[in-house]
Amino acid sequence: LTGNPAFPAGFEITRCDTILISHGHFDHIHDAIPLAKKFGSKVVAIYETAHWLGRKGVETCSGMNKGGSQQAGSVTVTMTHAVHSCGISEEDGSIVYGGEAAGYVLTLPDGRTIYFAGDTNVFSDMALIAELYKPSLAFLPIGDFYTMGPREAAVACRLLQAETVIPMHF
């Protein structure tokens, strides 16, 4: 949120039940600590990132690993693979290991599924995500520098076979 030019000026978050962390880069983790502390939000992340967040005072972390699932309210959250780095920048400029980057499949109570890829390049196991979870909606990063470019995103769309795909990443 902070530093995101697409985030609406003056918008205030008034509730946050769960935060899903895809990886430890500043643009994905920066606001997690103050939001989690303010709202007592459950924070789901790969184990190493959850451990780091816990050391920063977040008491509501739920570390997990790829292939695992857990409940976040009425939504089942399943962690999936992503192809990206996951270094966490410390205040002194050093970078610490944050585990591996991840994506998530969200299964709603009515059975519909949403795939949030996190930051990733296309990878052939997206076909397995389609087979296992049949997402009707997918969020795919497209930026062509830190994430996949247009050609890779087109292949990801074909592999996932989702009815609707929303491009994301600022």
N, C-alpha and C. Protein backbone atom coordinates (compact mmCIF):
# COMPACT_ATOMS: atom_id res chain seq x y z
N LEU A 1 0.82 -1.18 0.00
CA LEU A 1 0.00 0.00 0.00
C LEU A 1 0.87 1.25 0.00
N THR A 2 1.78 1.34 0.99
CA THR A 2 2.66 2.49 1.08
C THR A 2 3.58 2.52 -0.13
N GLY A 3 3.61 3.63 -0.82
CA GLY A 3 4.48 3.77 -1.98
C GLY A 3 3.89 3.24 -3.27
N ASN A 4 2.70 2.68 -3.21
CA ASN A 4 2.05 2.13 -4.41
C ASN A 4 1.31 3.28 -5.10
N PRO A 5 1.74 3.65 -6.31
CA PRO A 5 1.09 4.77 -6.98
C PRO A 5 -0.36 4.49 -7.37
N ALA A 6 -0.78 3.24 -7.38
CA ALA A 6 -2.16 2.89 -7.75
C ALA A 6 -3.09 2.86 -6.53
N PHE A 7 -2.53 2.95 -5.32
CA PHE A 7 -3.37 2.92 -4.12
C PHE A 7 -4.06 4.27 -3.97
N PRO A 8 -5.39 4.28 -3.84
CA PRO A 8 -6.13 5.55 -3.80
C PRO A 8 -5.75 6.43 -2.61
N ALA A 9 -5.39 7.67 -2.89
CA ALA A 9 -5.05 8.61 -1.82
C ALA A 9 -6.25 8.80 -0.91
N GLY A 10 -5.99 8.82 0.38
CA GLY A 10 -7.06 9.05 1.36
C GLY A 10 -7.85 7.82 1.73
N PHE A 11 -7.65 6.70 1.04
CA PHE A 11 -8.39 5.49 1.37
C PHE A 11 -7.87 4.93 2.68
N GLU A 12 -8.77 4.55 3.57
CA GLU A 12 -8.38 4.00 4.86
C GLU A 12 -8.89 2.58 5.00
N ILE A 13 -8.02 1.69 5.40
CA ILE A 13 -8.42 0.31 5.68
C ILE A 13 -9.02 0.28 7.08
N THR A 14 -10.23 -0.23 7.19
CA THR A 14 -10.92 -0.25 8.48
C THR A 14 -11.09 -1.65 9.05
N ARG A 15 -10.74 -2.65 8.24
CA ARG A 15 -10.82 -4.04 8.72
C ARG A 15 -9.87 -4.88 7.88
N CYS A 16 -9.21 -5.81 8.54
CA CYS A 16 -8.30 -6.72 7.84
C CYS A 16 -8.23 -8.01 8.65
N ASP A 17 -8.93 -9.03 8.20
CA ASP A 17 -9.00 -10.30 8.93
C ASP A 17 -7.78 -11.18 8.70
N THR A 18 -7.35 -11.27 7.43
CA THR A 18 -6.26 -12.17 7.07
C THR A 18 -5.36 -11.49 6.05
N ILE A 19 -4.06 -11.70 6.21
CA ILE A 19 -3.07 -11.20 5.25
C ILE A 19 -2.32 -12.41 4.71
N LEU A 20 -2.30 -12.57 3.39
CA LEU A 20 -1.53 -13.63 2.75
C LEU A 20 -0.27 -13.01 2.15
N ILE A 21 0.88 -13.48 2.59
CA ILE A 21 2.15 -12.96 2.12
C ILE A 21 2.70 -13.92 1.06
N SER A 22 2.94 -13.41 -0.14
CA SER A 22 3.48 -14.26 -1.21
C SER A 22 5.00 -14.40 -1.11
N HIS A 23 5.67 -13.34 -0.68
CA HIS A 23 7.12 -13.36 -0.53
C HIS A 23 7.56 -12.12 0.23
N GLY A 24 8.85 -12.06 0.54
CA GLY A 24 9.33 -11.03 1.45
C GLY A 24 9.79 -9.72 0.86
N HIS A 25 9.63 -9.48 -0.42
CA HIS A 25 10.06 -8.21 -0.98
C HIS A 25 9.25 -7.06 -0.39
N PHE A 26 9.88 -5.90 -0.29
CA PHE A 26 9.28 -4.76 0.41
C PHE A 26 7.89 -4.40 -0.10
N ASP A 27 7.65 -4.54 -1.40
CA ASP A 27 6.35 -4.14 -1.94
C ASP A 27 5.26 -5.16 -1.65
N HIS A 28 5.61 -6.25 -0.98
CA HIS A 28 4.63 -7.27 -0.61
C HIS A 28 4.54 -7.49 0.89
N ILE A 29 5.49 -6.96 1.64
CA ILE A 29 5.52 -7.22 3.07
C ILE A 29 5.54 -5.94 3.92
N HIS A 30 5.85 -4.83 3.30
CA HIS A 30 6.08 -3.58 4.02
C HIS A 30 4.95 -3.21 4.98
N ASP A 31 3.72 -3.29 4.54
CA ASP A 31 2.60 -2.87 5.38
C ASP A 31 2.00 -4.00 6.22
N ALA A 32 2.51 -5.21 6.07
CA ALA A 32 1.94 -6.34 6.80
C ALA A 32 2.09 -6.18 8.31
N ILE A 33 3.22 -5.70 8.77
CA ILE A 33 3.47 -5.59 10.21
C ILE A 33 2.51 -4.59 10.86
N PRO A 34 2.43 -3.34 10.37
CA PRO A 34 1.50 -2.43 11.03
C PRO A 34 0.03 -2.84 10.89
N LEU A 35 -0.36 -3.41 9.75
CA LEU A 35 -1.75 -3.85 9.59
C LEU A 35 -2.07 -5.00 10.54
N ALA A 36 -1.18 -5.98 10.62
CA ALA A 36 -1.41 -7.13 11.50
C ALA A 36 -1.49 -6.70 12.96
N LYS A 37 -0.63 -5.77 13.35
CA LYS A 37 -0.66 -5.28 14.74
C LYS A 37 -1.91 -4.47 15.02
N LYS A 38 -2.33 -3.66 14.06
CA LYS A 38 -3.50 -2.80 14.25
C LYS A 38 -4.79 -3.61 14.35
N PHE A 39 -4.94 -4.62 13.47
CA PHE A 39 -6.20 -5.35 13.39
C PHE A 39 -6.17 -6.74 14.00
N GLY A 40 -4.98 -7.21 14.42
CA GLY A 40 -4.88 -8.58 14.92
C GLY A 40 -5.10 -9.59 13.81
N SER A 41 -4.78 -9.22 12.59
CA SER A 41 -5.00 -10.08 11.42
C SER A 41 -4.17 -11.35 11.48
N LYS A 42 -4.76 -12.45 11.05
CA LYS A 42 -4.00 -13.67 10.85
C LYS A 42 -3.08 -13.42 9.65
N VAL A 43 -1.80 -13.78 9.78
CA VAL A 43 -0.84 -13.59 8.70
C VAL A 43 -0.34 -14.95 8.25
N VAL A 44 -0.64 -15.30 7.01
CA VAL A 44 -0.22 -16.57 6.43
C VAL A 44 0.97 -16.31 5.51
N ALA A 45 2.02 -17.10 5.69
CA ALA A 45 3.24 -16.93 4.88
C ALA A 45 4.02 -18.24 4.90
N ILE A 46 4.98 -18.33 3.98
CA ILE A 46 5.91 -19.46 4.01
C ILE A 46 6.60 -19.42 5.38
N TYR A 47 7.00 -20.56 5.90
CA TYR A 47 7.47 -20.68 7.28
C TYR A 47 8.54 -19.64 7.64
N GLU A 48 9.56 -19.48 6.80
CA GLU A 48 10.68 -18.60 7.13
C GLU A 48 10.24 -17.13 7.22
N THR A 49 9.36 -16.71 6.33
CA THR A 49 8.85 -15.35 6.37
C THR A 49 7.97 -15.15 7.60
N ALA A 50 7.15 -16.13 7.93
CA ALA A 50 6.32 -16.05 9.14
C ALA A 50 7.19 -15.94 10.39
N HIS A 51 8.28 -16.69 10.41
CA HIS A 51 9.21 -16.62 11.54
C HIS A 51 9.80 -15.21 11.66
N TRP A 52 10.23 -14.64 10.54
CA TRP A 52 10.78 -13.28 10.52
C TRP A 52 9.74 -12.28 11.03
N LEU A 53 8.50 -12.39 10.54
CA LEU A 53 7.43 -11.50 10.99
C LEU A 53 7.19 -11.63 12.49
N GLY A 54 7.25 -12.85 13.00
CA GLY A 54 7.10 -13.07 14.43
C GLY A 54 8.19 -12.36 15.22
N ARG A 55 9.40 -12.37 14.70
CA ARG A 55 10.51 -11.67 15.36
C ARG A 55 10.32 -10.16 15.32
N LYS A 56 9.51 -9.68 14.39
CA LYS A 56 9.22 -8.25 14.28
C LYS A 56 7.98 -7.87 15.09
N GLY A 57 7.43 -8.81 15.87
CA GLY A 57 6.34 -8.49 16.77
C GLY A 57 4.95 -8.88 16.29
N VAL A 58 4.85 -9.56 15.16
CA VAL A 58 3.55 -10.02 14.69
C VAL A 58 3.24 -11.33 15.41
N GLU A 59 2.23 -11.32 16.25
CA GLU A 59 1.92 -12.48 17.09
C GLU A 59 0.88 -13.41 16.46
N THR A 60 0.41 -13.09 15.28
CA THR A 60 -0.68 -13.85 14.67
C THR A 60 -0.25 -14.57 13.40
N CYS A 61 1.03 -14.93 13.32
CA CYS A 61 1.56 -15.59 12.12
C CYS A 61 1.19 -17.06 12.08
N SER A 62 0.96 -17.53 10.88
CA SER A 62 0.70 -18.94 10.65
C SER A 62 1.60 -19.37 9.50
N GLY A 63 2.79 -19.85 9.84
CA GLY A 63 3.74 -20.30 8.83
C GLY A 63 3.33 -21.65 8.28
N MET A 64 3.50 -21.80 6.98
CA MET A 64 3.14 -23.07 6.34
C MET A 64 4.08 -23.32 5.18
N ASN A 65 3.79 -24.34 4.39
CA ASN A 65 4.63 -24.62 3.23
C ASN A 65 3.76 -25.02 2.05
N LYS A 66 4.38 -25.08 0.91
CA LYS A 66 3.68 -25.33 -0.34
C LYS A 66 2.97 -26.68 -0.33
N GLY A 67 1.74 -26.67 -0.81
CA GLY A 67 0.92 -27.87 -0.81
C GLY A 67 0.02 -27.97 0.40
N GLY A 68 0.36 -27.22 1.45
CA GLY A 68 -0.45 -27.23 2.65
C GLY A 68 -1.67 -26.33 2.52
N SER A 69 -2.67 -26.62 3.33
CA SER A 69 -3.90 -25.82 3.36
C SER A 69 -4.25 -25.50 4.80
N GLN A 70 -4.93 -24.38 4.99
CA GLN A 70 -5.45 -24.01 6.30
C GLN A 70 -6.65 -23.11 6.10
N GLN A 71 -7.41 -22.95 7.17
CA GLN A 71 -8.60 -22.10 7.12
C GLN A 71 -8.24 -20.67 7.46
N ALA A 72 -8.85 -19.75 6.76
CA ALA A 72 -8.80 -18.32 7.08
C ALA A 72 -10.25 -17.87 7.07
N GLY A 73 -10.88 -17.95 8.22
CA GLY A 73 -12.32 -17.74 8.29
C GLY A 73 -13.01 -18.88 7.56
N SER A 74 -13.88 -18.55 6.63
CA SER A 74 -14.60 -19.59 5.88
C SER A 74 -13.89 -19.98 4.58
N VAL A 75 -12.72 -19.41 4.33
CA VAL A 75 -11.97 -19.67 3.10
C VAL A 75 -10.84 -20.64 3.38
N THR A 76 -10.69 -21.65 2.51
CA THR A 76 -9.54 -22.55 2.61
C THR A 76 -8.42 -21.97 1.77
N VAL A 77 -7.26 -21.82 2.39
CA VAL A 77 -6.09 -21.24 1.74
C VAL A 77 -5.08 -22.35 1.50
N THR A 78 -4.70 -22.55 0.24
CA THR A 78 -3.70 -23.56 -0.13
C THR A 78 -2.51 -22.84 -0.73
N MET A 79 -1.33 -23.11 -0.21
CA MET A 79 -0.11 -22.48 -0.72
C MET A 79 0.41 -23.26 -1.92
N THR A 80 0.75 -22.52 -2.98
CA THR A 80 1.26 -23.12 -4.20
C THR A 80 2.67 -22.60 -4.50
N HIS A 81 3.25 -23.19 -5.50
CA HIS A 81 4.59 -22.82 -5.94
C HIS A 81 4.56 -21.47 -6.66
N ALA A 82 5.68 -20.77 -6.66
CA ALA A 82 5.91 -19.58 -7.47
C ALA A 82 7.40 -19.56 -7.82
N VAL A 83 7.73 -18.96 -8.93
CA VAL A 83 9.12 -18.88 -9.37
C VAL A 83 9.56 -17.42 -9.23
N HIS A 84 10.20 -17.12 -8.10
CA HIS A 84 10.58 -15.74 -7.79
C HIS A 84 11.55 -15.79 -6.61
N SER A 85 12.23 -14.70 -6.31
CA SER A 85 13.10 -14.66 -5.14
C SER A 85 12.30 -14.18 -3.92
N CYS A 86 12.94 -14.25 -2.73
CA CYS A 86 12.19 -13.94 -1.51
C CYS A 86 13.09 -13.36 -0.43
N GLY A 87 14.06 -12.54 -0.79
CA GLY A 87 14.90 -11.90 0.22
C GLY A 87 14.14 -10.78 0.93
N ILE A 88 14.34 -10.68 2.23
CA ILE A 88 13.68 -9.66 3.04
C ILE A 88 14.71 -8.59 3.40
N SER A 89 14.43 -7.34 3.07
CA SER A 89 15.33 -6.23 3.38
C SER A 89 15.18 -5.81 4.83
N GLU A 90 16.29 -5.78 5.53
CA GLU A 90 16.31 -5.31 6.91
C GLU A 90 16.54 -3.80 6.93
N GLU A 91 16.31 -3.18 8.09
CA GLU A 91 16.47 -1.73 8.22
C GLU A 91 17.89 -1.28 7.92
N ASP A 92 18.89 -2.12 8.19
CA ASP A 92 20.28 -1.75 7.96
C ASP A 92 20.73 -1.97 6.52
N GLY A 93 19.81 -2.38 5.64
CA GLY A 93 20.15 -2.59 4.24
C GLY A 93 20.53 -4.03 3.90
N SER A 94 20.71 -4.85 4.91
CA SER A 94 21.04 -6.25 4.64
C SER A 94 19.79 -6.99 4.17
N ILE A 95 20.02 -8.12 3.52
CA ILE A 95 18.92 -8.95 3.04
C ILE A 95 19.02 -10.31 3.73
N VAL A 96 17.91 -10.77 4.30
CA VAL A 96 17.87 -12.07 4.96
C VAL A 96 16.99 -13.02 4.15
N TYR A 97 17.25 -14.31 4.32
CA TYR A 97 16.51 -15.34 3.61
C TYR A 97 15.08 -15.39 4.11
N GLY A 98 14.12 -15.35 3.18
CA GLY A 98 12.72 -15.36 3.56
C GLY A 98 11.99 -16.60 3.13
N GLY A 99 12.72 -17.70 2.87
CA GLY A 99 12.07 -18.89 2.35
C GLY A 99 11.84 -18.72 0.86
N GLU A 100 10.92 -19.48 0.31
CA GLU A 100 10.63 -19.40 -1.11
C GLU A 100 9.38 -18.57 -1.35
N ALA A 101 9.29 -17.97 -2.52
CA ALA A 101 8.08 -17.26 -2.92
C ALA A 101 6.96 -18.28 -3.11
N ALA A 102 5.72 -17.82 -2.97
CA ALA A 102 4.58 -18.72 -3.07
C ALA A 102 3.40 -18.00 -3.71
N GLY A 103 2.45 -18.78 -4.14
CA GLY A 103 1.14 -18.30 -4.58
C GLY A 103 0.10 -18.95 -3.69
N TYR A 104 -1.18 -18.63 -3.94
CA TYR A 104 -2.25 -19.18 -3.13
C TYR A 104 -3.46 -19.53 -3.98
N VAL A 105 -4.11 -20.62 -3.61
CA VAL A 105 -5.44 -20.93 -4.13
C VAL A 105 -6.40 -20.73 -2.98
N LEU A 106 -7.44 -19.93 -3.23
CA LEU A 106 -8.47 -19.68 -2.22
C LEU A 106 -9.72 -20.44 -2.64
N THR A 107 -10.20 -21.31 -1.77
CA THR A 107 -11.42 -22.05 -2.04
C THR A 107 -12.53 -21.46 -1.18
N LEU A 108 -13.52 -20.91 -1.85
CA LEU A 108 -14.64 -20.26 -1.16
C LEU A 108 -15.63 -21.31 -0.66
N PRO A 109 -16.46 -20.97 0.31
CA PRO A 109 -17.41 -21.93 0.86
C PRO A 109 -18.32 -22.58 -0.18
N ASP A 110 -18.61 -21.87 -1.27
CA ASP A 110 -19.48 -22.44 -2.31
C ASP A 110 -18.72 -23.28 -3.33
N GLY A 111 -17.41 -23.47 -3.11
CA GLY A 111 -16.60 -24.32 -3.98
C GLY A 111 -15.83 -23.59 -5.07
N ARG A 112 -16.16 -22.33 -5.34
CA ARG A 112 -15.40 -21.59 -6.35
C ARG A 112 -13.97 -21.39 -5.87
N THR A 113 -13.03 -21.32 -6.83
CA THR A 113 -11.63 -21.14 -6.46
C THR A 113 -11.03 -19.95 -7.19
N ILE A 114 -10.10 -19.31 -6.50
CA ILE A 114 -9.36 -18.16 -7.00
C ILE A 114 -7.88 -18.48 -6.86
N TYR A 115 -7.12 -18.23 -7.91
CA TYR A 115 -5.67 -18.44 -7.87
C TYR A 115 -4.98 -17.09 -7.87
N PHE A 116 -4.20 -16.84 -6.84
CA PHE A 116 -3.37 -15.64 -6.76
C PHE A 116 -1.93 -16.11 -6.90
N ALA A 117 -1.30 -15.76 -8.02
CA ALA A 117 0.02 -16.31 -8.36
C ALA A 117 1.16 -15.69 -7.56
N GLY A 118 0.94 -14.55 -6.91
CA GLY A 118 2.06 -13.83 -6.32
C GLY A 118 2.95 -13.33 -7.44
N ASP A 119 4.19 -13.04 -7.13
CA ASP A 119 5.14 -12.67 -8.19
C ASP A 119 5.76 -13.95 -8.70
N THR A 120 5.66 -14.20 -9.99
CA THR A 120 6.19 -15.43 -10.55
C THR A 120 6.39 -15.29 -12.05
N ASN A 121 7.16 -16.17 -12.58
CA ASN A 121 7.19 -16.39 -14.01
C ASN A 121 6.23 -17.54 -14.28
N VAL A 122 5.91 -17.76 -15.53
CA VAL A 122 5.10 -18.92 -15.88
C VAL A 122 5.89 -20.19 -15.53
N PHE A 123 5.21 -21.24 -15.12
CA PHE A 123 5.87 -22.53 -14.88
C PHE A 123 4.87 -23.62 -15.22
N SER A 124 5.38 -24.74 -15.67
CA SER A 124 4.51 -25.78 -16.22
C SER A 124 3.53 -26.35 -15.21
N ASP A 125 3.84 -26.27 -13.92
CA ASP A 125 2.92 -26.79 -12.91
C ASP A 125 1.65 -25.96 -12.76
N MET A 126 1.56 -24.85 -13.49
CA MET A 126 0.28 -24.13 -13.51
C MET A 126 -0.81 -25.02 -14.10
N ALA A 127 -0.42 -25.96 -14.95
CA ALA A 127 -1.38 -26.92 -15.47
C ALA A 127 -1.91 -27.82 -14.35
N LEU A 128 -1.06 -28.14 -13.37
CA LEU A 128 -1.50 -28.93 -12.21
C LEU A 128 -2.45 -28.11 -11.33
N ILE A 129 -2.19 -26.82 -11.20
CA ILE A 129 -3.10 -25.96 -10.45
C ILE A 129 -4.47 -25.98 -11.12
N ALA A 130 -4.48 -25.90 -12.45
CA ALA A 130 -5.75 -25.97 -13.19
C ALA A 130 -6.44 -27.31 -12.96
N GLU A 131 -5.69 -28.39 -13.01
CA GLU A 131 -6.27 -29.73 -12.84
C GLU A 131 -6.79 -29.95 -11.43
N LEU A 132 -6.02 -29.55 -10.44
CA LEU A 132 -6.39 -29.79 -9.04
C LEU A 132 -7.48 -28.87 -8.53
N TYR A 133 -7.40 -27.59 -8.88
CA TYR A 133 -8.26 -26.59 -8.23
C TYR A 133 -9.26 -25.91 -9.16
N LYS A 134 -9.03 -26.01 -10.47
CA LYS A 134 -9.95 -25.41 -11.45
C LYS A 134 -10.35 -23.97 -11.10
N PRO A 135 -9.37 -23.07 -11.00
CA PRO A 135 -9.71 -21.69 -10.64
C PRO A 135 -10.56 -21.02 -11.72
N SER A 136 -11.61 -20.34 -11.28
CA SER A 136 -12.43 -19.58 -12.22
C SER A 136 -11.88 -18.17 -12.38
N LEU A 137 -11.08 -17.73 -11.42
CA LEU A 137 -10.48 -16.41 -11.44
C LEU A 137 -9.01 -16.54 -11.09
N ALA A 138 -8.15 -15.88 -11.85
CA ALA A 138 -6.71 -15.91 -11.58
C ALA A 138 -6.16 -14.50 -11.60
N PHE A 139 -5.27 -14.23 -10.67
CA PHE A 139 -4.52 -12.97 -10.63
C PHE A 139 -3.08 -13.30 -11.02
N LEU A 140 -2.62 -12.73 -12.14
CA LEU A 140 -1.28 -13.01 -12.63
C LEU A 140 -0.46 -11.73 -12.70
N PRO A 141 0.80 -11.80 -12.26
CA PRO A 141 1.66 -10.62 -12.35
C PRO A 141 2.16 -10.45 -13.78
N ILE A 142 2.22 -9.23 -14.24
CA ILE A 142 2.78 -8.97 -15.55
C ILE A 142 3.51 -7.64 -15.47
N GLY A 143 4.77 -7.67 -15.71
CA GLY A 143 5.57 -6.46 -15.61
C GLY A 143 6.81 -6.55 -16.49
N ASP A 144 7.22 -7.78 -16.78
CA ASP A 144 8.33 -8.05 -17.71
C ASP A 144 9.68 -7.58 -17.22
N PHE A 145 9.85 -7.41 -15.93
CA PHE A 145 11.17 -7.14 -15.38
C PHE A 145 11.36 -7.96 -14.12
N TYR A 146 10.47 -7.77 -13.15
CA TYR A 146 10.51 -8.57 -11.92
C TYR A 146 9.56 -9.76 -11.99
N THR A 147 8.65 -9.76 -12.95
CA THR A 147 7.69 -10.85 -13.11
C THR A 147 7.60 -11.20 -14.59
N MET A 148 6.69 -12.08 -14.94
CA MET A 148 6.56 -12.52 -16.32
C MET A 148 6.14 -11.38 -17.25
N GLY A 149 6.49 -11.55 -18.50
CA GLY A 149 6.10 -10.60 -19.53
C GLY A 149 4.86 -11.07 -20.26
N PRO A 150 4.44 -10.34 -21.28
CA PRO A 150 3.20 -10.66 -21.99
C PRO A 150 3.18 -12.07 -22.60
N ARG A 151 4.27 -12.49 -23.21
CA ARG A 151 4.30 -13.82 -23.84
C ARG A 151 4.14 -14.92 -22.80
N GLU A 152 4.85 -14.78 -21.69
CA GLU A 152 4.75 -15.77 -20.61
C GLU A 152 3.36 -15.75 -19.98
N ALA A 153 2.80 -14.55 -19.81
CA ALA A 153 1.46 -14.44 -19.21
C ALA A 153 0.41 -15.11 -20.09
N ALA A 154 0.57 -15.00 -21.40
CA ALA A 154 -0.38 -15.66 -22.31
C ALA A 154 -0.32 -17.18 -22.14
N VAL A 155 0.88 -17.71 -21.98
CA VAL A 155 1.03 -19.15 -21.75
C VAL A 155 0.43 -19.53 -20.39
N ALA A 156 0.67 -18.70 -19.37
CA ALA A 156 0.10 -18.97 -18.04
C ALA A 156 -1.43 -19.03 -18.13
N CYS A 157 -2.01 -18.11 -18.86
CA CYS A 157 -3.48 -18.11 -19.03
C CYS A 157 -3.95 -19.41 -19.69
N ARG A 158 -3.22 -19.86 -20.70
CA ARG A 158 -3.58 -21.10 -21.39
C ARG A 158 -3.47 -22.29 -20.44
N LEU A 159 -2.40 -22.33 -19.64
CA LEU A 159 -2.21 -23.45 -18.71
C LEU A 159 -3.27 -23.48 -17.61
N LEU A 160 -3.64 -22.31 -17.11
CA LEU A 160 -4.58 -22.23 -15.99
C LEU A 160 -6.04 -22.42 -16.40
N GLN A 161 -6.38 -22.03 -17.61
CA GLN A 161 -7.74 -22.18 -18.14
C GLN A 161 -8.80 -21.51 -17.27
N ALA A 162 -8.43 -20.42 -16.61
CA ALA A 162 -9.40 -19.68 -15.78
C ALA A 162 -10.32 -18.87 -16.69
N GLU A 163 -11.57 -18.74 -16.28
CA GLU A 163 -12.54 -17.95 -17.04
C GLU A 163 -12.14 -16.48 -17.10
N THR A 164 -11.63 -15.96 -15.99
CA THR A 164 -11.24 -14.56 -15.90
C THR A 164 -9.84 -14.45 -15.32
N VAL A 165 -9.02 -13.60 -15.93
CA VAL A 165 -7.66 -13.35 -15.44
C VAL A 165 -7.49 -11.85 -15.25
N ILE A 166 -6.98 -11.48 -14.09
CA ILE A 166 -6.74 -10.07 -13.79
C ILE A 166 -5.23 -9.87 -13.70
N PRO A 167 -4.68 -8.96 -14.53
CA PRO A 167 -3.26 -8.66 -14.43
C PRO A 167 -3.00 -7.81 -13.19
N MET A 168 -1.87 -8.05 -12.54
CA MET A 168 -1.54 -7.28 -11.35
C MET A 168 -0.04 -7.16 -11.21
N HIS A 169 0.38 -6.27 -10.42
CA HIS A 169 1.72 -5.94 -9.97
C HIS A 169 2.01 -4.50 -10.36
N PHE A 170 2.36 -3.70 -9.37
CA PHE A 170 2.62 -2.29 -9.71
C PHE A 170 4.09 -2.07 -9.96
